C-alpha atoms as a PDB file:
ATOM      1  CA  UNK A   1     351.191  49.720  37.009  1.00  0.00           C
ATOM      2  CA  UNK A   2     348.481  47.879  38.942  1.00  0.00           C
ATOM      3  CA  UNK A   3     346.034  49.972  40.962  1.00  0.00           C
ATOM      4  CA  UNK A   4     343.564  48.976  43.672  1.00  0.00           C
ATOM      5  CA  UNK A   5     340.109  50.504  43.354  1.00  0.00           C
ATOM      6  CA  UNK A   6     336.947  50.395  45.464  1.00  0.00           C
ATOM      7  CA  UNK A   7     333.888  49.315  43.481  1.00  0.00           C
ATOM      8  CA  UNK A   8     331.230  49.122  46.199  1.00  0.00           C
ATOM      9  CA  UNK A   9     330.644  49.850  49.852  1.00  0.00           C
ATOM     10  CA  UNK A  10     327.985  49.137  52.459  1.00  0.00           C
ATOM     11  CA  UNK A  11     327.587  49.524  56.183  1.00  0.00           C
ATOM     12  CA  UNK A  12     325.126  48.835  58.931  1.00  0.00           C
ATOM     13  CA  UNK A  13     323.725  51.759  60.844  1.00  0.00           C
ATOM     14  CA  UNK A  14     325.785  52.430  63.963  1.00  0.00           C
ATOM     15  CA  UNK A  15     323.956  51.430  67.118  1.00  0.00           C
ATOM     16  CA  UNK A  16     324.563  52.662  70.632  1.00  0.00           C
ATOM     17  CA  UNK A  17     326.393  50.080  72.699  1.00  0.00           C
ATOM     18  CA  UNK A  18     324.547  48.290  75.511  1.00  0.00           C
ATOM     19  CA  UNK A  19     321.165  50.015  75.118  1.00  0.00           C
ATOM     20  CA  UNK A  20     321.011  50.287  71.349  1.00  0.00           C
ATOM     21  CA  UNK A  21     319.398  48.243  68.609  1.00  0.00           C
ATOM     22  CA  UNK A  22     322.344  45.861  68.183  1.00  0.00           C
ATOM     23  CA  UNK A  23     322.953  44.996  71.848  1.00  0.00           C
ATOM     24  CA  UNK A  24     321.946  41.380  71.191  1.00  0.00           C
ATOM     25  CA  UNK A  25     323.202  40.929  67.616  1.00  0.00           C
ATOM     26  CA  UNK A  26     326.025  38.416  67.156  1.00  0.00           C
ATOM     27  CA  UNK A  27     329.104  39.939  65.542  1.00  0.00           C
ATOM     28  CA  UNK A  28     329.457  37.456  62.642  1.00  0.00           C
ATOM     29  CA  UNK A  29     325.831  38.049  61.659  1.00  0.00           C
ATOM     30  CA  UNK A  30     326.248  41.821  61.954  1.00  0.00           C
ATOM     31  CA  UNK A  31     329.397  41.792  59.836  1.00  0.00           C
ATOM     32  CA  UNK A  32     327.740  39.433  57.400  1.00  0.00           C
ATOM     33  CA  UNK A  33     325.030  41.988  56.634  1.00  0.00           C
ATOM     34  CA  UNK A  34     327.616  44.546  55.488  1.00  0.00           C
ATOM     35  CA  UNK A  35     329.712  42.028  53.549  1.00  0.00           C
ATOM     36  CA  UNK A  36     326.754  40.531  51.708  1.00  0.00           C
ATOM     37  CA  UNK A  37     325.458  43.977  50.722  1.00  0.00           C
ATOM     38  CA  UNK A  38     328.878  45.133  49.504  1.00  0.00           C
ATOM     39  CA  UNK A  39     329.263  42.063  47.283  1.00  0.00           C
ATOM     40  CA  UNK A  40     325.732  42.414  45.920  1.00  0.00           C
ATOM     41  CA  UNK A  41     326.240  46.105  45.181  1.00  0.00           C
ATOM     42  CA  UNK A  42     329.377  45.243  43.220  1.00  0.00           C
ATOM     43  CA  UNK A  43     327.299  42.871  41.112  1.00  0.00           C
ATOM     44  CA  UNK A  44     329.672  39.997  41.843  1.00  0.00           C
ATOM     45  CA  UNK A  45     328.934  36.348  42.430  1.00  0.00           C
ATOM     46  CA  UNK A  46     329.862  35.357  45.968  1.00  0.00           C
ATOM     47  CA  UNK A  47     332.426  32.884  44.676  1.00  0.00           C
ATOM     48  CA  UNK A  48     334.310  35.642  42.843  1.00  0.00           C
ATOM     49  CA  UNK A  49     335.615  36.975  46.167  1.00  0.00           C
ATOM     50  CA  UNK A  50     339.088  35.648  46.950  1.00  0.00           C
ATOM     51  CA  UNK A  51     339.573  36.904  50.504  1.00  0.00           C
ATOM     52  CA  UNK A  52     337.673  38.664  53.287  1.00  0.00           C
ATOM     53  CA  UNK A  53     339.640  40.879  55.681  1.00  0.00           C
ATOM     54  CA  UNK A  54     337.918  42.460  58.669  1.00  0.00           C
ATOM     55  CA  UNK A  55     339.409  44.681  61.335  1.00  0.00           C
ATOM     56  CA  UNK A  56     338.323  44.562  64.976  1.00  0.00           C
ATOM     57  CA  UNK A  57     339.921  46.046  68.072  1.00  0.00           C
ATOM     58  CA  UNK A  58     338.407  43.634  70.594  1.00  0.00           C
ATOM     59  CA  UNK A  59     338.967  40.171  69.157  1.00  0.00           C
ATOM     60  CA  UNK A  60     337.429  37.880  71.720  1.00  0.00           C
ATOM     61  CA  UNK A  61     334.026  36.420  72.463  1.00  0.00           C
ATOM     62  CA  UNK A  62     331.601  37.363  69.715  1.00  0.00           C
ATOM     63  CA  UNK A  63     334.400  38.951  67.682  1.00  0.00           C
ATOM     64  CA  UNK A  64     336.988  36.243  68.353  1.00  0.00           C
ATOM     65  CA  UNK A  65     338.129  33.137  66.470  1.00  0.00           C
ATOM     66  CA  UNK A  66     338.956  34.920  63.188  1.00  0.00           C
ATOM     67  CA  UNK A  67     335.939  37.189  62.880  1.00  0.00           C
ATOM     68  CA  UNK A  68     336.898  37.931  59.261  1.00  0.00           C
ATOM     69  CA  UNK A  69     336.318  34.341  58.228  1.00  0.00           C
ATOM     70  CA  UNK A  70     333.200  33.989  60.393  1.00  0.00           C
ATOM     71  CA  UNK A  71     331.617  37.143  58.980  1.00  0.00           C
ATOM     72  CA  UNK A  72     332.362  35.988  55.427  1.00  0.00           C
ATOM     73  CA  UNK A  73     330.545  32.713  56.041  1.00  0.00           C
ATOM     74  CA  UNK A  74     327.686  34.520  57.791  1.00  0.00           C
ATOM     75  CA  UNK A  75     327.361  36.659  54.656  1.00  0.00           C
ATOM     76  CA  UNK A  76     326.775  33.529  52.619  1.00  0.00           C
ATOM     77  CA  UNK A  77     330.144  33.538  50.888  1.00  0.00           C
ATOM     78  CA  UNK A  78     331.263  30.009  49.936  1.00  0.00           C
ATOM     79  CA  UNK A  79     333.862  28.136  51.955  1.00  0.00           C
ATOM     80  CA  UNK A  80     336.314  28.723  49.101  1.00  0.00           C
ATOM     81  CA  UNK A  81     336.578  32.360  50.253  1.00  0.00           C
ATOM     82  CA  UNK A  82     339.338  32.758  52.812  1.00  0.00           C
ATOM     83  CA  UNK A  83     339.204  35.118  55.783  1.00  0.00           C
ATOM     84  CA  UNK A  84     341.536  37.116  58.019  1.00  0.00           C
ATOM     85  CA  UNK A  85     341.207  39.413  61.023  1.00  0.00           C
ATOM     86  CA  UNK A  86     343.342  42.473  61.728  1.00  0.00           C
ATOM     87  CA  UNK A  87     343.853  44.499  64.907  1.00  0.00           C
ATOM     88  CA  UNK A  88     345.322  47.994  64.774  1.00  0.00           C
ATOM     89  CA  UNK A  89     342.877  49.227  67.388  1.00  0.00           C
ATOM     90  CA  UNK A  90     340.861  52.247  66.178  1.00  0.00           C
ATOM     91  CA  UNK A  91     342.245  51.961  62.648  1.00  0.00           C
ATOM     92  CA  UNK A  92     341.687  48.209  62.311  1.00  0.00           C
ATOM     93  CA  UNK A  93     339.145  48.580  59.519  1.00  0.00           C
ATOM     94  CA  UNK A  94     341.367  51.011  57.649  1.00  0.00           C
ATOM     95  CA  UNK A  95     344.276  48.591  57.999  1.00  0.00           C
ATOM     96  CA  UNK A  96     342.097  45.815  56.589  1.00  0.00           C
ATOM     97  CA  UNK A  97     341.374  47.922  53.502  1.00  0.00           C
ATOM     98  CA  UNK A  98     345.038  48.852  53.076  1.00  0.00           C
ATOM     99  CA  UNK A  99     345.973  45.172  53.350  1.00  0.00           C
ATOM    100  CA  UNK A 100     343.403  44.263  50.723  1.00  0.00           C
ATOM    101  CA  UNK A 101     344.882  46.874  48.391  1.00  0.00           C
ATOM    102  CA  UNK A 102     348.368  45.450  48.910  1.00  0.00           C
ATOM    103  CA  UNK A 103     347.125  41.937  48.131  1.00  0.00           C
ATOM    104  CA  UNK A 104     345.454  43.131  44.951  1.00  0.00           C
ATOM    105  CA  UNK A 105     348.527  45.068  43.800  1.00  0.00           C
ATOM    106  CA  UNK A 106     351.406  42.889  44.967  1.00  0.00           C
ATOM    107  CA  UNK A 107     349.895  39.408  45.090  1.00  0.00           C
ATOM    108  CA  UNK A 108     347.674  39.792  42.011  1.00  0.00           C
ATOM    109  CA  UNK A 109     344.633  38.651  43.971  1.00  0.00           C
ATOM    110  CA  UNK A 110     341.105  38.931  42.663  1.00  0.00           C
ATOM    111  CA  UNK A 111     338.263  40.848  44.347  1.00  0.00           C
ATOM    112  CA  UNK A 112     338.599  41.185  48.119  1.00  0.00           C
ATOM    113  CA  UNK A 113     336.054  42.245  50.718  1.00  0.00           C
ATOM    114  CA  UNK A 114     337.565  44.411  53.445  1.00  0.00           C
ATOM    115  CA  UNK A 115     336.216  46.481  56.308  1.00  0.00           C
ATOM    116  CA  UNK A 116     335.697  46.442  60.033  1.00  0.00           C
ATOM    117  CA  UNK A 117     333.256  45.680  62.797  1.00  0.00           C
ATOM    118  CA  UNK A 118     332.887  45.968  66.534  1.00  0.00           C
ATOM    119  CA  UNK A 119     330.318  44.434  68.872  1.00  0.00           C
ATOM    120  CA  UNK A 120     331.098  46.344  72.050  1.00  0.00           C
ATOM    121  CA  UNK A 121     327.804  45.388  73.702  1.00  0.00           C
ATOM    122  CA  UNK A 122     328.721  41.697  73.629  1.00  0.00           C
ATOM    123  CA  UNK A 123     332.479  41.955  74.157  1.00  0.00           C
ATOM    124  CA  UNK A 124     333.397  44.921  76.367  1.00  0.00           C
ATOM    125  CA  UNK A 125     331.467  43.827  79.432  1.00  0.00           C
ATOM    126  CA  UNK A 126     331.755  41.732  82.591  1.00  0.00           C
ATOM    127  CA  UNK A 127     332.633  38.671  80.502  1.00  0.00           C
ATOM    128  CA  UNK A 128     335.732  40.228  78.911  1.00  0.00           C
ATOM    129  CA  UNK A 129     338.910  38.209  79.412  1.00  0.00           C
ATOM    130  CA  UNK A 130     341.395  40.308  81.407  1.00  0.00           C
ATOM    131  CA  UNK A 131     343.441  37.392  82.727  1.00  0.00           C
ATOM    132  CA  UNK A 132     347.119  38.443  82.795  1.00  0.00           C
ATOM    133  CA  UNK A 133     346.360  41.278  80.404  1.00  0.00           C
ATOM    134  CA  UNK A 134     349.275  43.333  81.752  1.00  0.00           C
ATOM    135  CA  UNK A 135     352.888  42.174  81.435  1.00  0.00           C
ATOM    136  CA  UNK A 136     354.663  43.643  84.516  1.00  0.00           C
ATOM    137  CA  UNK A 137     358.026  43.816  82.745  1.00  0.00           C
ATOM    138  CA  UNK A 138     356.538  45.708  79.833  1.00  0.00           C
ATOM    139  CA  UNK A 139     354.624  47.911  82.251  1.00  0.00           C
ATOM    140  CA  UNK A 140     357.916  48.860  83.894  1.00  0.00           C
ATOM    141  CA  UNK A 141     359.324  49.786  80.490  1.00  0.00           C
ATOM    142  CA  UNK A 142     356.251  51.806  79.447  1.00  0.00           C
ATOM    143  CA  UNK A 143     354.239  52.834  82.537  1.00  0.00           C
ATOM    144  CA  UNK A 144     351.518  54.533  80.456  1.00  0.00           C
ATOM    145  CA  UNK A 145     350.946  51.642  78.062  1.00  0.00           C
ATOM    146  CA  UNK A 146     347.632  50.605  79.611  1.00  0.00           C
ATOM    147  CA  UNK A 147     346.423  54.095  80.502  1.00  0.00           C
ATOM    148  CA  UNK A 148     342.652  54.399  79.905  1.00  0.00           C
ATOM    149  CA  UNK A 149     341.816  56.386  76.796  1.00  0.00           C
ATOM    150  CA  UNK A 150     340.030  59.062  78.803  1.00  0.00           C
ATOM    151  CA  UNK A 151     343.256  59.727  80.685  1.00  0.00           C
ATOM    152  CA  UNK A 152     345.249  59.907  77.461  1.00  0.00           C
ATOM    153  CA  UNK A 153     342.792  62.533  76.234  1.00  0.00           C
ATOM    154  CA  UNK A 154     343.248  64.472  79.471  1.00  0.00           C
ATOM    155  CA  UNK A 155     347.008  64.279  78.927  1.00  0.00           C
ATOM    156  CA  UNK A 156     346.720  65.606  75.373  1.00  0.00           C
ATOM    157  CA  UNK A 157     344.403  68.417  76.451  1.00  0.00           C
ATOM    158  CA  UNK A 158     346.752  69.518  79.227  1.00  0.00           C
ATOM    159  CA  UNK A 159     350.017  68.994  77.365  1.00  0.00           C
ATOM    160  CA  UNK A 160     348.905  70.847  74.238  1.00  0.00           C
ATOM    161  CA  UNK A 161     346.595  73.427  75.784  1.00  0.00           C
ATOM    162  CA  UNK A 162     343.244  72.328  74.363  1.00  0.00           C
ATOM    163  CA  UNK A 163     340.757  74.132  76.601  1.00  0.00           C
ATOM    164  CA  UNK A 164     337.422  72.694  77.724  1.00  0.00           C
ATOM    165  CA  UNK A 165     335.383  75.324  75.878  1.00  0.00           C
ATOM    166  CA  UNK A 166     337.240  74.583  72.633  1.00  0.00           C
ATOM    167  CA  UNK A 167     336.506  70.881  73.040  1.00  0.00           C
ATOM    168  CA  UNK A 168     332.843  71.545  73.757  1.00  0.00           C
ATOM    169  CA  UNK A 169     332.582  73.806  70.719  1.00  0.00           C
ATOM    170  CA  UNK A 170     333.997  71.048  68.567  1.00  0.00           C
ATOM    171  CA  UNK A 171     331.610  68.513  70.113  1.00  0.00           C
ATOM    172  CA  UNK A 172     328.688  70.771  69.219  1.00  0.00           C
ATOM    173  CA  UNK A 173     329.984  71.196  65.676  1.00  0.00           C
ATOM    174  CA  UNK A 174     330.192  67.436  65.262  1.00  0.00           C
ATOM    175  CA  UNK A 175     326.609  66.952  66.436  1.00  0.00           C
ATOM    176  CA  UNK A 176     325.286  69.695  64.169  1.00  0.00           C
ATOM    177  CA  UNK A 177     327.138  68.396  61.126  1.00  0.00           C
ATOM    178  CA  UNK A 178     325.792  64.888  61.621  1.00  0.00           C
ATOM    179  CA  UNK A 179     322.274  66.206  62.149  1.00  0.00           C
ATOM    180  CA  UNK A 180     322.527  68.143  58.883  1.00  0.00           C
ATOM    181  CA  UNK A 181     323.966  65.122  57.077  1.00  0.00           C
ATOM    182  CA  UNK A 182     321.159  62.870  58.288  1.00  0.00           C
ATOM    183  CA  UNK A 183     318.551  65.463  57.371  1.00  0.00           C
ATOM    184  CA  UNK A 184     320.022  65.755  53.876  1.00  0.00           C
ATOM    185  CA  UNK A 185     320.126  61.975  53.455  1.00  0.00           C
ATOM    186  CA  UNK A 186     323.883  62.011  53.009  1.00  0.00           C
ATOM    187  CA  UNK A 187     324.307  58.605  54.667  1.00  0.00           C
ATOM    188  CA  UNK A 188     321.318  56.897  53.068  1.00  0.00           C
ATOM    189  CA  UNK A 189     323.095  55.268  50.132  1.00  0.00           C
ATOM    190  CA  UNK A 190     325.812  53.701  52.268  1.00  0.00           C
ATOM    191  CA  UNK A 191     323.543  52.287  54.995  1.00  0.00           C
ATOM    192  CA  UNK A 192     321.651  49.000  54.815  1.00  0.00           C
ATOM    193  CA  UNK A 193     318.733  48.587  57.275  1.00  0.00           C
ATOM    194  CA  UNK A 194     319.349  45.755  59.736  1.00  0.00           C
ATOM    195  CA  UNK A 195     316.753  43.833  61.737  1.00  0.00           C
ATOM    196  CA  UNK A 196     317.687  42.623  65.217  1.00  0.00           C
ATOM    197  CA  UNK A 197     316.213  41.377  68.485  1.00  0.00           C
ATOM    198  CA  UNK A 198     317.052  44.085  70.999  1.00  0.00           C
ATOM    199  CA  UNK A 199     317.315  43.382  74.724  1.00  0.00           C
ATOM    200  CA  UNK A 200     315.252  45.884  76.689  1.00  0.00           C
ATOM    201  CA  UNK A 201     315.729  46.174  80.452  1.00  0.00           C
ATOM    202  CA  UNK A 202     312.955  47.542  82.644  1.00  0.00           C
ATOM    203  CA  UNK A 203     314.651  50.203  84.768  1.00  0.00           C
ATOM    204  CA  UNK A 204     312.298  49.684  87.697  1.00  0.00           C
ATOM    205  CA  UNK A 205     312.188  45.891  87.872  1.00  0.00           C
ATOM    206  CA  UNK A 206     315.376  44.930  86.042  1.00  0.00           C
ATOM    207  CA  UNK A 207     313.416  42.434  83.960  1.00  0.00           C
ATOM    208  CA  UNK A 208     314.593  41.803  80.410  1.00  0.00           C
ATOM    209  CA  UNK A 209     312.449  41.473  77.320  1.00  0.00           C
ATOM    210  CA  UNK A 210     313.150  41.100  73.604  1.00  0.00           C
ATOM    211  CA  UNK A 211     311.998  43.789  71.182  1.00  0.00           C
ATOM    212  CA  UNK A 212     312.250  43.167  67.411  1.00  0.00           C
ATOM    213  CA  UNK A 213     313.669  46.302  65.786  1.00  0.00           C
ATOM    214  CA  UNK A 214     314.907  47.427  62.385  1.00  0.00           C
ATOM    215  CA  UNK A 215     317.574  50.100  62.464  1.00  0.00           C
ATOM    216  CA  UNK A 216     317.889  52.240  59.334  1.00  0.00           C
ATOM    217  CA  UNK A 217     319.979  55.176  60.568  1.00  0.00           C
ATOM    218  CA  UNK A 218     322.739  55.815  63.089  1.00  0.00           C
ATOM    219  CA  UNK A 219     321.499  56.041  66.669  1.00  0.00           C
ATOM    220  CA  UNK A 220     324.157  58.282  68.174  1.00  0.00           C
ATOM    221  CA  UNK A 221     323.301  61.778  66.968  1.00  0.00           C
ATOM    222  CA  UNK A 222     321.897  64.296  69.453  1.00  0.00           C
ATOM    223  CA  UNK A 223     320.577  67.146  67.275  1.00  0.00           C
ATOM    224  CA  UNK A 224     319.282  69.117  70.268  1.00  0.00           C
ATOM    225  CA  UNK A 225     322.800  69.567  71.691  1.00  0.00           C
ATOM    226  CA  UNK A 226     323.751  73.113  72.698  1.00  0.00           C
ATOM    227  CA  UNK A 227     326.761  74.783  74.293  1.00  0.00           C
ATOM    228  CA  UNK A 228     325.025  75.458  77.601  1.00  0.00           C
ATOM    229  CA  UNK A 229     324.177  71.796  77.947  1.00  0.00           C
ATOM    230  CA  UNK A 230     327.716  70.744  77.070  1.00  0.00           C
ATOM    231  CA  UNK A 231     329.202  73.230  79.520  1.00  0.00           C
ATOM    232  CA  UNK A 232     327.027  71.808  82.284  1.00  0.00           C
ATOM    233  CA  UNK A 233     328.272  68.244  81.901  1.00  0.00           C
ATOM    234  CA  UNK A 234     330.448  66.903  84.694  1.00  0.00           C
ATOM    235  CA  UNK A 235     333.986  65.863  83.707  1.00  0.00           C
ATOM    236  CA  UNK A 236     334.663  62.125  83.824  1.00  0.00           C
ATOM    237  CA  UNK A 237     337.754  62.749  85.963  1.00  0.00           C
ATOM    238  CA  UNK A 238     337.625  65.205  88.892  1.00  0.00           C
ATOM    239  CA  UNK A 239     339.158  68.476  87.774  1.00  0.00           C
ATOM    240  CA  UNK A 240     339.399  67.219  84.200  1.00  0.00           C
ATOM    241  CA  UNK A 241     338.047  68.507  80.898  1.00  0.00           C
ATOM    242  CA  UNK A 242     336.823  65.333  79.168  1.00  0.00           C
ATOM    243  CA  UNK A 243     333.045  64.852  79.313  1.00  0.00           C
ATOM    244  CA  UNK A 244     330.411  62.721  77.642  1.00  0.00           C
ATOM    245  CA  UNK A 245     329.799  65.662  75.311  1.00  0.00           C
ATOM    246  CA  UNK A 246     333.309  66.054  73.907  1.00  0.00           C
ATOM    247  CA  UNK A 247     334.210  62.354  73.745  1.00  0.00           C
ATOM    248  CA  UNK A 248     333.131  59.634  71.342  1.00  0.00           C
ATOM    249  CA  UNK A 249     330.386  57.131  72.041  1.00  0.00           C
ATOM    250  CA  UNK A 250     330.705  53.370  72.462  1.00  0.00           C
ATOM    251  CA  UNK A 251     328.937  51.764  69.524  1.00  0.00           C
ATOM    252  CA  UNK A 252     328.146  48.583  67.600  1.00  0.00           C
ATOM    253  CA  UNK A 253     328.384  48.384  63.824  1.00  0.00           C
ATOM    254  CA  UNK A 254     330.047  46.990  60.712  1.00  0.00           C
ATOM    255  CA  UNK A 255     331.183  48.234  57.306  1.00  0.00           C
ATOM    256  CA  UNK A 256     332.611  46.524  54.240  1.00  0.00           C
ATOM    257  CA  UNK A 257     333.741  47.354  50.727  1.00  0.00           C
ATOM    258  CA  UNK A 258     334.989  45.490  47.678  1.00  0.00           C
ATOM    259  CA  UNK A 259     338.518  46.143  46.421  1.00  0.00           C
ATOM    260  CA  UNK A 260     339.828  44.904  43.078  1.00  0.00           C
ATOM    261  CA  UNK A 261     342.437  45.766  40.477  1.00  0.00           C
ATOM    262  CA  UNK A 262     341.464  48.651  38.198  1.00  0.00           C
ATOM    263  CA  UNK A 263     341.892  46.614  35.031  1.00  0.00           C
ATOM    264  CA  UNK A 264     339.621  43.884  36.328  1.00  0.00           C
ATOM    265  CA  UNK A 265     337.005  46.469  37.292  1.00  0.00           C
ATOM    266  CA  UNK A 266     337.118  47.834  33.739  1.00  0.00           C
ATOM    267  CA  UNK A 267     336.762  44.355  32.256  1.00  0.00           C
ATOM    268  CA  UNK A 268     333.742  43.742  34.466  1.00  0.00           C
ATOM    269  CA  UNK A 269     332.214  47.085  33.502  1.00  0.00           C
ATOM    270  CA  UNK A 270     332.384  48.410  37.069  1.00  0.00           C
ATOM    271  CA  UNK A 271     332.791  52.120  37.755  1.00  0.00           C
ATOM    272  CA  UNK A 272     335.228  52.634  40.663  1.00  0.00           C
ATOM    273  CA  UNK A 273     334.132  54.782  43.585  1.00  0.00           C
ATOM    274  CA  UNK A 274     337.754  55.624  44.270  1.00  0.00           C
ATOM    275  CA  UNK A 275     341.323  54.339  44.300  1.00  0.00           C
ATOM    276  CA  UNK A 276     343.674  53.568  47.183  1.00  0.00           C
ATOM    277  CA  UNK A 277     346.885  55.459  46.469  1.00  0.00           C
ATOM    278  CA  UNK A 278     348.840  55.255  49.726  1.00  0.00           C
ATOM    279  CA  UNK A 279     348.975  54.364  53.393  1.00  0.00           C
ATOM    280  CA  UNK A 280     351.291  55.344  56.243  1.00  0.00           C
ATOM    281  CA  UNK A 281     351.549  54.627  59.957  1.00  0.00           C
ATOM    282  CA  UNK A 282     353.351  56.299  62.854  1.00  0.00           C
ATOM    283  CA  UNK A 283     353.672  55.626  66.562  1.00  0.00           C
ATOM    284  CA  UNK A 284     353.443  58.153  69.386  1.00  0.00           C
ATOM    285  CA  UNK A 285     353.859  57.949  73.152  1.00  0.00           C
ATOM    286  CA  UNK A 286     351.160  55.721  74.727  1.00  0.00           C
ATOM    287  CA  UNK A 287     349.906  58.545  76.947  1.00  0.00           C
ATOM    288  CA  UNK A 288     349.243  60.662  73.836  1.00  0.00           C
ATOM    289  CA  UNK A 289     346.867  58.218  72.154  1.00  0.00           C
ATOM    290  CA  UNK A 290     345.030  59.807  69.249  1.00  0.00           C
ATOM    291  CA  UNK A 291     347.605  62.242  67.885  1.00  0.00           C
ATOM    292  CA  UNK A 292     349.217  59.787  65.473  1.00  0.00           C
ATOM    293  CA  UNK A 293     347.827  61.701  62.451  1.00  0.00           C
ATOM    294  CA  UNK A 294     350.177  64.583  63.316  1.00  0.00           C
ATOM    295  CA  UNK A 295     353.053  62.306  62.303  1.00  0.00           C
ATOM    296  CA  UNK A 296     351.414  59.888  59.859  1.00  0.00           C
ATOM    297  CA  UNK A 297     349.752  62.432  57.569  1.00  0.00           C
ATOM    298  CA  UNK A 298     352.921  64.409  56.703  1.00  0.00           C
ATOM    299  CA  UNK A 299     354.704  61.097  56.138  1.00  0.00           C
ATOM    300  CA  UNK A 300     352.027  59.937  53.701  1.00  0.00           C
ATOM    301  CA  UNK A 301     351.923  63.261  51.865  1.00  0.00           C
ATOM    302  CA  UNK A 302     355.693  63.310  51.462  1.00  0.00           C
ATOM    303  CA  UNK A 303     355.735  59.775  50.059  1.00  0.00           C
ATOM    304  CA  UNK A 304     352.892  60.635  47.712  1.00  0.00           C
ATOM    305  CA  UNK A 305     354.453  63.887  46.523  1.00  0.00           C
ATOM    306  CA  UNK A 306     351.430  65.883  47.669  1.00  0.00           C
ATOM    307  CA  UNK A 307     350.745  68.877  49.901  1.00  0.00           C
ATOM    308  CA  UNK A 308     348.050  69.596  52.483  1.00  0.00           C
ATOM    309  CA  UNK A 309     346.422  72.082  50.105  1.00  0.00           C
ATOM    310  CA  UNK A 310     345.815  69.382  47.495  1.00  0.00           C
ATOM    311  CA  UNK A 311     343.510  67.383  49.775  1.00  0.00           C
ATOM    312  CA  UNK A 312     339.875  68.430  49.378  1.00  0.00           C
ATOM    313  CA  UNK A 313     338.308  66.310  52.116  1.00  0.00           C
ATOM    314  CA  UNK A 314     339.691  65.010  55.402  1.00  0.00           C
ATOM    315  CA  UNK A 315     338.459  62.339  57.798  1.00  0.00           C
ATOM    316  CA  UNK A 316     340.401  62.199  61.063  1.00  0.00           C
ATOM    317  CA  UNK A 317     339.788  59.994  64.099  1.00  0.00           C
ATOM    318  CA  UNK A 318     337.384  61.729  66.478  1.00  0.00           C
ATOM    319  CA  UNK A 319     337.781  59.640  69.615  1.00  0.00           C
ATOM    320  CA  UNK A 320     338.020  62.828  71.669  1.00  0.00           C
ATOM    321  CA  UNK A 321     337.674  66.474  70.737  1.00  0.00           C
ATOM    322  CA  UNK A 322     340.978  67.128  72.521  1.00  0.00           C
ATOM    323  CA  UNK A 323     343.059  64.974  70.182  1.00  0.00           C
ATOM    324  CA  UNK A 324     341.077  65.952  67.081  1.00  0.00           C
ATOM    325  CA  UNK A 325     341.510  69.674  67.738  1.00  0.00           C
ATOM    326  CA  UNK A 326     345.227  69.204  68.368  1.00  0.00           C
ATOM    327  CA  UNK A 327     345.606  67.274  65.103  1.00  0.00           C
ATOM    328  CA  UNK A 328     343.549  69.829  63.176  1.00  0.00           C
ATOM    329  CA  UNK A 329     345.416  72.850  64.469  1.00  0.00           C
ATOM    330  CA  UNK A 330     348.893  71.328  64.295  1.00  0.00           C
ATOM    331  CA  UNK A 331     348.422  70.128  60.726  1.00  0.00           C
ATOM    332  CA  UNK A 332     346.507  73.222  59.631  1.00  0.00           C
ATOM    333  CA  UNK A 333     343.496  71.343  58.276  1.00  0.00           C
ATOM    334  CA  UNK A 334     340.700  73.774  57.310  1.00  0.00           C
ATOM    335  CA  UNK A 335     337.635  73.141  59.470  1.00  0.00           C
ATOM    336  CA  UNK A 336     335.312  73.253  56.468  1.00  0.00           C
ATOM    337  CA  UNK A 337     337.140  70.262  54.938  1.00  0.00           C
ATOM    338  CA  UNK A 338     337.400  68.163  58.106  1.00  0.00           C
ATOM    339  CA  UNK A 339     334.841  65.555  59.214  1.00  0.00           C
ATOM    340  CA  UNK A 340     332.189  67.424  57.262  1.00  0.00           C
ATOM    341  CA  UNK A 341     329.400  65.034  58.294  1.00  0.00           C
ATOM    342  CA  UNK A 342     330.511  64.712  61.897  1.00  0.00           C
ATOM    343  CA  UNK A 343     332.466  61.869  63.404  1.00  0.00           C
ATOM    344  CA  UNK A 344     332.729  59.504  66.339  1.00  0.00           C
ATOM    345  CA  UNK A 345     331.456  62.078  68.841  1.00  0.00           C
ATOM    346  CA  UNK A 346     328.144  62.405  67.021  1.00  0.00           C
ATOM    347  CA  UNK A 347     327.822  59.270  64.876  1.00  0.00           C
ATOM    348  CA  UNK A 348     329.400  56.688  67.160  1.00  0.00           C
ATOM    349  CA  UNK A 349     332.723  54.962  67.628  1.00  0.00           C
ATOM    350  CA  UNK A 350     332.805  51.175  67.172  1.00  0.00           C
ATOM    351  CA  UNK A 351     336.609  51.396  67.613  1.00  0.00           C
END
């Protein structure tokens, strides 16, 4: 039986959107940094890659026009390497990797680069194309379809009884775990330093200037976070429970890995980092965005013939503490095995 394995991985640091190091870095170039590093770390010639699949949730502007292909070319891969872009919103990068695995197993493809990127600074702004973004007929069928994510988190918190203090406690835990991970150098091997020309705006005059920077670690962590500070934050919605302290950050960044068939990896003398054994999806009501793992995880475990207890390490979407806590408690995931180095609240969330 054919098996898809991961033989290398690389990512940029995650920069804060709008004011961070990558606020002026074109998406193809940013993605190209991660792709090039992943291929080099695998010890492969660029021409050995057969396809490049990148996920992105906001595919327009800098991340439009088949960003997968553009990023591959920006990485220096030859024009013989094809490219594809995938959108499954927050799990776009994961879907890209799952698709690569399917192509390796079912289509007998050679090495594939897969991953994800998001350039929120350059895409989610005043230039975003919102022309006829809402279909009124569809809106009548599903009134909550275009509900802002903050409001979906408020819905989850209220509907499933996730209190503000519980969310804040989780937000603090995320920050502390990321601080400890950075201090221990846990991210160092996966990150590649990236140089960029950052736009700096003078707060008093509004004048812009360019500052050359090199980012070597994620910008989002706030190691001085404490519960009193979190409790003092004003909710985004009046009377709500979602704050800047228990929600994820908007971020810019890219990650890529190389997937190939296990037999080919052995022939090339490459030691796999891991294997992709399964993938499952599940839909939930639009107003409950973020709780899909409650349905998808049991489905995947059942298909794989595994139990919750057999999983040693969990990574679950951390868009909001409200949905993460609900997923954790409903599924019974031990806290010490979940997002052990923090997540989107503390590291950043490039969708």
